[in-house]
Amino acid sequence: MSKSKWYSLTTIFVIAMLALSACGGGAQKVEVFSWWTGGGEAAGLEAMIKVFNEKNPNVEFINAAVAGGAGTNARAVLATRLQAGDPPDSWQGHAGQELIGTYVAGKQIQPLNDLYESEGWLDVMPETLIPLISQDGNIYSVPVNIHRANVLWYNPAILEANGVSVPTTMDEWFAAMDTLQAAGVTPLALGEQWTKMHLMETVLLGSLGPEKYNGLWDGSTDWGSAEVKGALDNFQKILGYTNSDSASLSWQDAAQLVVNGNAAFNVMGDWAEGYFRELGKTPNTDYGWTPVPGSVGIFQFLSDSFVLAVGAPDEEGAIAWLKVAGSKEGQEAFNPVKGSICARTDCDKSLFGEYLQSAMDDWASDTVVGSLTHGVVANDSWKSEIDTALGLFIQDGNVDGFQAALVAACASSGPCK
């Protein structure tokens, strides 16, 4: 073979290899699945992706986000993919029974003990959180944040104009909403069904107190008791103060009614504060906040976290993502934009706004309980049964029938067997 032919063949071979590489042969990528598609949520995720890209310039990040409040739509898509044996490398999951009772029980995610040890995360993650993401000595996810569920957002100008004080008890809240309703003001903005479950769990907490609320989830509080009946009566009464078009509104739509001056109150997690800031609203002028009446001194929490799939298509890329998700740099980029506080305990408090600094103080001092809607206290099966019962109650308004269905749900999928 002549030297010129040898050089030609070599050149062709190199070009072919480059072409294969360009087509993705052997290229590293990571697919991360979440439900953060809008507002401060999407912006926070993009901030963390930016940190990932800076640290991993040779890894393609695939943002597989699916819209849907509280992950309702996204988790249905994820379940279908997992059943088909087509998992993303990593996905978002709430710490608690959503994680343990669904993904761990289904043997769909891998333990991360080695990663916790190598990254030193046990020294900086809250002791409250680790048991909620662990089973049989194994840790299964990387928490990125802490959110508060039991927040009552309000429009300060509307309350002042109507001589209404910020309520701290259920009776004060009812009185305030009676005054507002008589003045032609929508007392409470509400959205689609998952936001009604969110409202319900905060009313249960505000009516029962933390000990009996926790007892709902461990079996020590009777779902059929008179006290629970009283809490459900409160919930039914509160629904009477809400906008008639709630079924057609997202959580953002409902929250915006408050900051736009079209409603006085809204119960929503503190991701709403990230949304308010994205709208250019000013704290304590355009919006104020307080614990849902009856739950002062109680922090009803949830935590978003990311997992490592069993059979992850690119496990190395997924681990690189988890390292960023659990890092100080990643969480400091993500949380001030998202509207949440770090899961880590060593984040720089000065990076956070007025509301989030108050949430940090409360997280450190309040009684902590878990959220139903956002995966902490009930597994998916039990939550689904509660959701079905809630849907029927919204249609018929029958409190006794609703309570009976909740009793049956606890017996079927909860600890009341």
Protein backbone atom coordinates (compact mmCIF):
# COMPACT_ATOMS: atom_id res chain seq x y z
CA MET A 1 0.00 0.00 0.00
CA SER A 2 1.39 3.38 -0.96
CA LYS A 3 1.96 6.00 1.67
CA SER A 4 -0.63 8.31 0.05
CA LYS A 5 -3.30 5.58 0.17
CA TRP A 6 -2.42 4.82 3.81
CA TYR A 7 -2.83 8.49 4.75
CA SER A 8 -6.15 8.62 2.88
CA LEU A 9 -7.50 5.57 4.70
CA THR A 10 -6.34 6.93 8.03
CA THR A 11 -8.01 10.25 7.33
CA ILE A 12 -11.27 8.50 6.39
CA PHE A 13 -11.12 6.43 9.61
CA VAL A 14 -10.57 9.51 11.80
CA ILE A 15 -13.40 11.39 10.07
CA ALA A 16 -15.71 8.40 10.58
CA MET A 17 -14.89 8.24 14.29
CA LEU A 18 -15.52 11.95 14.67
CA ALA A 19 -18.83 11.56 12.89
CA LEU A 20 -19.87 8.74 15.21
CA SER A 21 -18.89 10.86 18.19
CA ALA A 22 -20.90 13.79 16.85
CA CYS A 23 -23.92 11.51 16.48
CA GLY A 24 -23.74 10.70 20.18
CA GLY A 25 -21.79 7.46 20.19
CA GLY A 26 -20.46 7.18 23.74
CA ALA A 27 -21.44 10.76 24.60
CA GLN A 28 -22.29 11.26 28.27
CA LYS A 29 -25.66 12.75 29.19
CA VAL A 30 -28.03 12.79 32.11
CA GLU A 31 -31.82 12.94 31.97
CA VAL A 32 -33.37 14.56 35.05
CA PHE A 33 -37.15 14.41 35.46
CA SER A 34 -39.12 17.01 37.47
CA TRP A 35 -42.31 19.07 37.48
CA TRP A 36 -40.61 22.45 37.66
CA THR A 37 -41.75 24.13 34.46
CA GLY A 38 -42.80 27.66 35.37
CA GLY A 39 -42.20 30.64 37.62
CA GLY A 40 -39.54 30.60 40.31
CA GLU A 41 -39.50 26.78 40.19
CA ALA A 42 -38.21 26.64 36.62
CA ALA A 43 -35.84 29.56 37.23
CA GLY A 44 -34.42 27.84 40.32
CA LEU A 45 -33.87 24.61 38.41
CA GLU A 46 -32.12 26.51 35.62
CA ALA A 47 -29.84 28.14 38.19
CA MET A 48 -28.82 24.71 39.50
CA ILE A 49 -28.42 23.35 35.96
CA LYS A 50 -26.03 26.24 35.27
CA VAL A 51 -23.87 25.12 38.21
CA PHE A 52 -23.99 21.55 36.87
CA ASN A 53 -22.94 22.62 33.38
CA GLU A 54 -20.02 24.63 34.74
CA LYS A 55 -18.78 21.62 36.70
CA ASN A 56 -19.57 19.05 33.99
CA PRO A 57 -18.99 20.72 30.61
CA ASN A 58 -18.79 17.37 28.81
CA VAL A 59 -22.12 16.06 30.07
CA GLU A 60 -25.32 16.92 28.23
CA PHE A 61 -28.12 17.81 30.67
CA ILE A 62 -31.58 16.75 29.51
CA ASN A 63 -34.26 18.65 31.43
CA ALA A 64 -37.26 16.28 31.27
CA ALA A 65 -39.73 18.48 33.10
CA VAL A 66 -43.49 17.89 32.85
CA ALA A 67 -45.98 20.58 33.90
CA GLY A 68 -48.48 19.87 36.64
CA GLY A 69 -49.09 21.39 40.08
CA ALA A 70 -47.53 19.38 42.94
CA GLY A 71 -46.27 16.91 40.32
CA THR A 72 -49.74 15.53 39.58
CA ASN A 73 -49.17 15.15 35.84
CA ALA A 74 -45.44 14.53 36.00
CA ARG A 75 -45.70 11.64 38.43
CA ALA A 76 -48.30 9.92 36.24
CA VAL A 77 -45.88 10.16 33.29
CA LEU A 78 -43.04 8.92 35.48
CA ALA A 79 -45.06 5.93 36.70
CA THR A 80 -45.77 4.93 33.10
CA ARG A 81 -42.09 5.16 32.22
CA LEU A 82 -41.02 3.14 35.23
CA GLN A 83 -43.56 0.43 34.46
CA ALA A 84 -42.21 0.29 30.89
CA GLY A 85 -38.62 -0.10 32.12
CA ASP A 86 -37.65 3.33 30.75
CA PRO A 87 -36.47 5.30 33.80
CA PRO A 88 -34.84 8.71 33.63
CA ASP A 89 -31.41 8.77 35.28
CA SER A 90 -32.72 10.82 38.20
CA TRP A 91 -36.08 12.25 39.17
CA GLN A 92 -37.67 14.56 41.68
CA GLY A 93 -39.44 12.95 44.62
CA HIS A 94 -40.78 14.26 47.91
CA ALA A 95 -38.99 13.11 51.04
CA GLY A 96 -41.17 10.87 53.16
CA GLN A 97 -43.71 8.19 52.31
CA GLU A 98 -43.88 9.19 48.64
CA LEU A 99 -40.22 8.18 48.41
CA ILE A 100 -40.16 5.21 50.79
CA GLY A 101 -43.64 3.82 50.19
CA THR A 102 -43.46 4.10 46.41
CA TYR A 103 -39.97 4.08 44.90
CA VAL A 104 -38.10 2.19 47.61
CA ALA A 105 -40.94 -0.31 48.02
CA GLY A 106 -40.96 -0.76 44.25
CA LYS A 107 -37.17 -1.31 44.17
CA GLN A 108 -36.89 1.50 41.62
CA ILE A 109 -34.11 3.58 43.21
CA GLN A 110 -30.61 2.88 44.53
CA PRO A 111 -29.13 3.57 47.99
CA LEU A 112 -26.81 6.58 48.19
CA ASN A 113 -24.87 5.84 51.39
CA ASP A 114 -21.48 5.93 49.65
CA LEU A 115 -22.28 9.32 48.13
CA TYR A 116 -23.34 10.72 51.49
CA GLU A 117 -20.08 9.52 52.99
CA SER A 118 -17.84 10.83 50.20
CA GLU A 119 -19.59 14.23 50.09
CA GLY A 120 -19.86 14.65 53.87
CA TRP A 121 -23.60 15.27 53.69
CA LEU A 122 -24.47 13.63 57.00
CA ASP A 123 -22.70 16.55 58.68
CA VAL A 124 -24.82 19.20 56.94
CA MET A 125 -28.25 17.64 56.35
CA PRO A 126 -30.91 18.08 59.09
CA GLU A 127 -31.37 15.17 61.48
CA THR A 128 -35.13 15.63 60.99
CA LEU A 129 -34.79 14.78 57.32
CA ILE A 130 -32.51 11.73 57.15
CA PRO A 131 -35.02 9.20 58.60
CA LEU A 132 -37.61 10.34 56.05
CA ILE A 133 -35.35 9.39 53.13
CA SER A 134 -34.00 6.18 54.68
CA GLN A 135 -35.08 2.56 54.95
CA ASP A 136 -33.24 -0.31 56.67
CA GLY A 137 -30.09 1.74 57.09
CA ASN A 138 -29.97 2.94 53.49
CA ILE A 139 -30.38 6.56 52.36
CA TYR A 140 -32.27 6.91 49.08
CA SER A 141 -32.36 10.55 47.96
CA VAL A 142 -30.61 13.91 48.02
CA PRO A 143 -32.84 16.69 49.46
CA VAL A 144 -32.37 20.07 47.80
CA ASN A 145 -34.72 22.22 49.86
CA ILE A 146 -37.25 22.70 52.64
CA HIS A 147 -40.66 24.22 51.90
CA ARG A 148 -43.38 25.30 54.30
CA ALA A 149 -46.94 24.25 53.46
CA ASN A 150 -49.00 26.00 56.16
CA VAL A 151 -48.70 29.59 54.94
CA LEU A 152 -51.61 32.03 54.75
CA TRP A 153 -50.77 34.74 52.20
CA TYR A 154 -52.76 37.97 52.39
CA ASN A 155 -53.14 41.35 50.74
CA PRO A 156 -52.26 43.98 53.38
CA ALA A 157 -54.15 46.80 51.63
CA ILE A 158 -57.39 44.80 51.46
CA LEU A 159 -57.22 43.88 55.15
CA GLU A 160 -56.50 47.47 56.14
CA ALA A 161 -59.28 48.88 53.96
CA ASN A 162 -61.79 46.55 55.62
CA GLY A 163 -60.55 46.90 59.19
CA VAL A 164 -59.47 43.26 59.33
CA SER A 165 -56.53 42.10 61.45
CA VAL A 166 -54.29 39.20 60.45
CA PRO A 167 -56.02 36.14 61.99
CA THR A 168 -54.19 33.68 64.23
CA THR A 169 -57.05 31.35 65.24
CA MET A 170 -59.79 29.60 63.27
CA ASP A 171 -62.49 31.76 64.91
CA GLU A 172 -60.59 34.95 64.02
CA TRP A 173 -60.23 33.71 60.43
CA PHE A 174 -63.95 32.99 60.11
CA ALA A 175 -64.78 36.44 61.51
CA ALA A 176 -62.33 38.12 59.11
CA MET A 177 -63.76 36.28 56.11
CA ASP A 178 -67.33 37.11 57.16
CA THR A 179 -66.39 40.81 57.18
CA LEU A 180 -64.69 40.59 53.81
CA GLN A 181 -67.51 38.65 52.21
CA ALA A 182 -70.07 41.19 53.47
CA ALA A 183 -67.96 43.93 51.85
CA GLY A 184 -68.04 42.17 48.48
CA VAL A 185 -64.43 40.95 48.67
CA THR A 186 -63.52 37.36 47.79
CA PRO A 187 -62.14 36.17 51.15
CA LEU A 188 -60.06 33.16 50.02
CA ALA A 189 -58.56 32.43 46.60
CA LEU A 190 -58.47 28.74 45.69
CA GLY A 191 -57.40 26.68 42.68
CA GLU A 192 -57.68 23.17 41.25
CA GLN A 193 -58.21 20.03 43.32
CA TRP A 194 -54.68 19.45 44.60
CA THR A 195 -54.75 22.95 46.11
CA LYS A 196 -57.95 21.95 47.91
CA MET A 197 -56.13 18.96 49.42
CA HIS A 198 -53.36 21.36 50.44
CA LEU A 199 -55.95 23.62 52.09
CA MET A 200 -57.57 20.63 53.80
CA GLU A 201 -54.36 19.39 55.40
CA THR A 202 -53.59 22.84 56.81
CA VAL A 203 -57.14 23.10 58.22
CA LEU A 204 -56.75 19.66 59.82
CA LEU A 205 -53.51 20.88 61.39
CA GLY A 206 -54.97 24.20 62.54
CA SER A 207 -58.05 22.48 63.98
CA LEU A 208 -56.43 19.45 65.64
CA GLY A 209 -52.98 20.71 66.68
CA PRO A 210 -49.68 18.97 65.90
CA GLU A 211 -50.00 15.90 68.14
CA LYS A 212 -53.43 14.82 66.92
CA TYR A 213 -52.57 15.81 63.34
CA ASN A 214 -49.52 13.52 63.47
CA GLY A 215 -51.77 10.84 64.94
CA LEU A 216 -53.82 10.79 61.74
CA TRP A 217 -50.80 9.34 59.98
CA ASP A 218 -49.55 6.89 62.60
CA GLY A 219 -52.96 5.54 63.62
CA SER A 220 -53.18 7.12 67.08
CA THR A 221 -55.87 9.65 66.06
CA ASP A 222 -59.20 8.14 65.04
CA TRP A 223 -60.33 9.42 61.64
CA GLY A 224 -63.89 8.73 62.78
CA SER A 225 -63.65 10.85 65.95
CA ALA A 226 -65.71 13.93 66.81
CA GLU A 227 -62.55 16.03 66.71
CA VAL A 228 -61.84 15.07 63.10
CA LYS A 229 -65.51 15.73 62.30
CA GLY A 230 -65.06 19.23 63.73
CA ALA A 231 -61.98 19.81 61.57
CA LEU A 232 -63.84 18.65 58.45
CA ASP A 233 -66.73 20.96 59.36
CA ASN A 234 -64.21 23.81 59.47
CA PHE A 235 -62.92 22.80 56.07
CA GLN A 236 -66.44 22.75 54.62
CA LYS A 237 -67.14 26.20 56.07
CA ILE A 238 -63.89 27.60 54.65
CA LEU A 239 -64.75 26.33 51.16
CA GLY A 240 -67.82 28.58 51.34
CA TYR A 241 -65.58 31.66 51.30
CA THR A 242 -63.77 30.76 48.07
CA ASN A 243 -64.03 31.81 44.41
CA SER A 244 -66.56 29.87 42.33
CA ASP A 245 -64.13 29.27 39.44
CA SER A 246 -61.51 27.47 41.51
CA ALA A 247 -61.61 24.26 39.46
CA SER A 248 -60.28 26.12 36.42
CA LEU A 249 -57.41 27.89 38.18
CA SER A 250 -53.81 26.80 38.75
CA TRP A 251 -52.10 27.58 42.04
CA GLN A 252 -50.39 30.52 40.34
CA ASP A 253 -53.75 31.89 39.16
CA ALA A 254 -55.18 31.66 42.67
CA ALA A 255 -52.12 33.23 44.30
CA GLN A 256 -52.15 36.07 41.78
CA LEU A 257 -55.71 36.99 42.79
CA VAL A 258 -54.27 38.07 46.14
CA VAL A 259 -51.36 40.20 44.92
CA ASN A 260 -53.57 41.74 42.22
CA GLY A 261 -56.11 42.85 44.83
CA ASN A 262 -58.91 40.50 43.75
CA ALA A 263 -58.93 38.34 46.90
CA ALA A 264 -57.79 38.75 50.49
CA PHE A 265 -56.25 35.38 51.41
CA ASN A 266 -54.65 32.34 49.81
CA VAL A 267 -53.31 29.18 51.46
CA MET A 268 -50.31 27.88 49.54
CA GLY A 269 -46.79 26.65 50.18
CA ASP A 270 -44.00 29.15 50.22
CA TRP A 271 -43.08 28.52 46.59
CA ALA A 272 -45.77 31.17 46.12
CA GLU A 273 -43.31 33.74 47.46
CA GLY A 274 -40.90 32.95 44.63
CA TYR A 275 -43.77 33.51 42.23
CA PHE A 276 -44.69 36.83 43.84
CA ARG A 277 -41.11 38.06 43.49
CA GLU A 278 -41.05 36.94 39.86
CA LEU A 279 -44.13 39.13 39.33
CA GLY A 280 -42.18 42.06 40.78
CA LYS A 281 -44.24 42.24 43.97
CA THR A 282 -42.88 43.67 47.22
CA PRO A 283 -43.07 41.79 50.55
CA ASN A 284 -45.16 43.42 53.27
CA THR A 285 -46.58 45.84 50.69
CA ASP A 286 -48.14 43.68 47.97
CA TYR A 287 -48.31 40.57 50.13
CA GLY A 288 -47.92 39.47 53.71
CA TRP A 289 -47.74 36.04 55.35
CA THR A 290 -48.58 34.22 58.54
CA PRO A 291 -49.07 30.57 59.56
CA VAL A 292 -52.51 29.20 58.67
CA PRO A 293 -54.76 30.11 61.63
CA GLY A 294 -54.50 27.60 64.45
CA SER A 295 -50.99 26.53 63.41
CA VAL A 296 -48.85 29.33 64.81
CA GLY A 297 -45.57 27.85 66.03
CA ILE A 298 -45.92 24.80 63.73
CA PHE A 299 -43.90 24.29 60.55
CA GLN A 300 -45.68 21.92 58.16
CA PHE A 301 -42.90 20.94 55.80
CA LEU A 302 -42.05 19.13 52.62
CA SER A 303 -38.73 18.54 50.90
CA ASP A 304 -37.93 18.08 47.24
CA SER A 305 -35.18 15.58 46.57
CA PHE A 306 -33.55 13.69 43.71
CA VAL A 307 -32.92 9.96 43.38
CA LEU A 308 -30.71 7.55 41.44
CA ALA A 309 -32.67 5.14 39.25
CA VAL A 310 -32.10 1.41 39.30
CA GLY A 311 -30.83 0.77 35.78
CA ALA A 312 -30.05 4.45 35.16
CA PRO A 313 -29.00 4.78 31.49
CA ASP A 314 -26.11 7.04 32.53
CA GLU A 315 -25.39 6.35 36.17
CA GLU A 316 -22.16 8.37 36.13
CA GLY A 317 -24.02 11.42 34.84
CA ALA A 318 -26.76 10.93 37.43
CA ILE A 319 -24.23 10.83 40.27
CA ALA A 320 -22.65 14.03 38.93
CA TRP A 321 -26.11 15.65 39.07
CA LEU A 322 -26.75 14.42 42.61
CA LYS A 323 -23.42 15.84 43.76
CA VAL A 324 -24.48 19.28 42.52
CA ALA A 325 -28.00 18.91 44.00
CA GLY A 326 -26.52 18.19 47.42
CA SER A 327 -23.75 20.79 47.23
CA LYS A 328 -23.69 24.15 49.00
CA GLU A 329 -23.11 25.91 45.69
CA GLY A 330 -26.00 24.13 44.01
CA GLN A 331 -28.46 24.76 46.84
CA GLU A 332 -27.45 28.40 47.22
CA ALA A 333 -28.06 28.91 43.48
CA PHE A 334 -31.38 27.07 43.52
CA ASN A 335 -33.26 27.99 46.67
CA PRO A 336 -33.29 31.82 46.77
CA VAL A 337 -34.80 31.75 43.26
CA LYS A 338 -37.14 28.80 43.87
CA GLY A 339 -38.59 30.35 47.02
CA SER A 340 -37.39 27.72 49.49
CA ILE A 341 -34.66 27.31 52.08
CA CYS A 342 -31.72 24.97 51.73
CA ALA A 343 -31.91 21.42 52.98
CA ARG A 344 -28.28 21.92 54.01
CA THR A 345 -27.73 23.72 57.29
CA ASP A 346 -24.68 25.72 56.16
CA CYS A 347 -26.14 27.98 53.43
CA ASP A 348 -25.44 31.71 53.57
CA LYS A 349 -28.55 33.32 55.10
CA SER A 350 -27.74 36.70 53.55
CA LEU A 351 -28.50 35.31 50.08
CA PHE A 352 -32.17 34.96 50.99
CA GLY A 353 -34.97 37.51 51.12
CA GLU A 354 -37.06 38.64 54.06
CA TYR A 355 -39.66 35.88 53.90
CA LEU A 356 -37.14 33.05 53.48
CA GLN A 357 -35.03 34.34 56.36
CA SER A 358 -38.15 34.19 58.54
CA ALA A 359 -38.77 30.63 57.31
CA MET A 360 -35.21 29.66 58.29
CA ASP A 361 -35.83 30.97 61.80
CA ASP A 362 -39.15 29.12 62.09
CA TRP A 363 -37.71 25.86 60.71
CA ALA A 364 -35.08 26.00 63.45
CA SER A 365 -37.53 26.70 66.29
CA ASP A 366 -41.07 25.54 65.44
CA THR A 367 -42.73 22.17 65.97
CA VAL A 368 -42.24 20.30 62.67
CA VAL A 369 -44.94 18.14 61.04
CA GLY A 370 -45.21 16.69 57.54
CA SER A 371 -47.41 17.43 54.53
CA LEU A 372 -49.99 15.07 53.02
CA THR A 373 -50.28 16.68 49.59
CA HIS A 374 -46.53 16.81 49.14
CA GLY A 375 -45.60 13.28 50.02
CA VAL A 376 -44.33 13.29 53.60
CA VAL A 377 -46.98 11.52 55.68
CA ALA A 378 -48.84 9.11 53.38
CA ASN A 379 -47.88 6.67 50.67
CA ASP A 380 -49.24 7.10 47.15
CA SER A 381 -52.03 4.57 47.55
CA TRP A 382 -53.40 6.19 50.71
CA LYS A 383 -53.06 9.69 49.28
CA SER A 384 -54.90 8.59 46.13
CA GLU A 385 -57.82 7.25 48.18
CA ILE A 386 -57.98 10.50 50.15
CA ASP A 387 -57.94 12.44 46.90
CA THR A 388 -60.82 10.38 45.50
CA ALA A 389 -62.85 10.96 48.67
CA LEU A 390 -62.07 14.68 48.49
CA GLY A 391 -63.25 14.88 44.89
CA LEU A 392 -66.60 13.36 45.83
CA PHE A 393 -66.92 15.68 48.82
CA ILE A 394 -66.30 18.75 46.65
CA GLN A 395 -69.22 17.63 44.51
CA ASP A 396 -71.74 16.65 47.19
CA GLY A 397 -70.65 18.55 50.35
CA ASN A 398 -71.52 15.56 52.55
CA VAL A 399 -69.19 15.78 55.56
CA ASP A 400 -70.38 12.50 57.11
CA GLY A 401 -69.81 10.64 53.85
CA PHE A 402 -66.39 12.28 53.47
CA GLN A 403 -65.36 11.26 56.98
CA ALA A 404 -66.52 7.68 56.41
CA ALA A 405 -64.45 7.52 53.22
CA LEU A 406 -61.39 8.84 55.08
CA VAL A 407 -61.87 6.15 57.76
CA ALA A 408 -62.04 3.51 55.02
CA ALA A 409 -58.94 4.90 53.29
CA CYS A 410 -56.90 4.66 56.49
CA ALA A 411 -58.06 1.07 56.94
CA SER A 412 -57.30 0.19 53.33
CA SER A 413 -53.90 1.82 52.77
CA GLY A 414 -52.87 3.45 56.05
CA PRO A 415 -52.07 2.27 59.60
CA CYS A 416 -55.70 1.67 60.63
CA LYS A 417 -55.81 -1.94 59.37
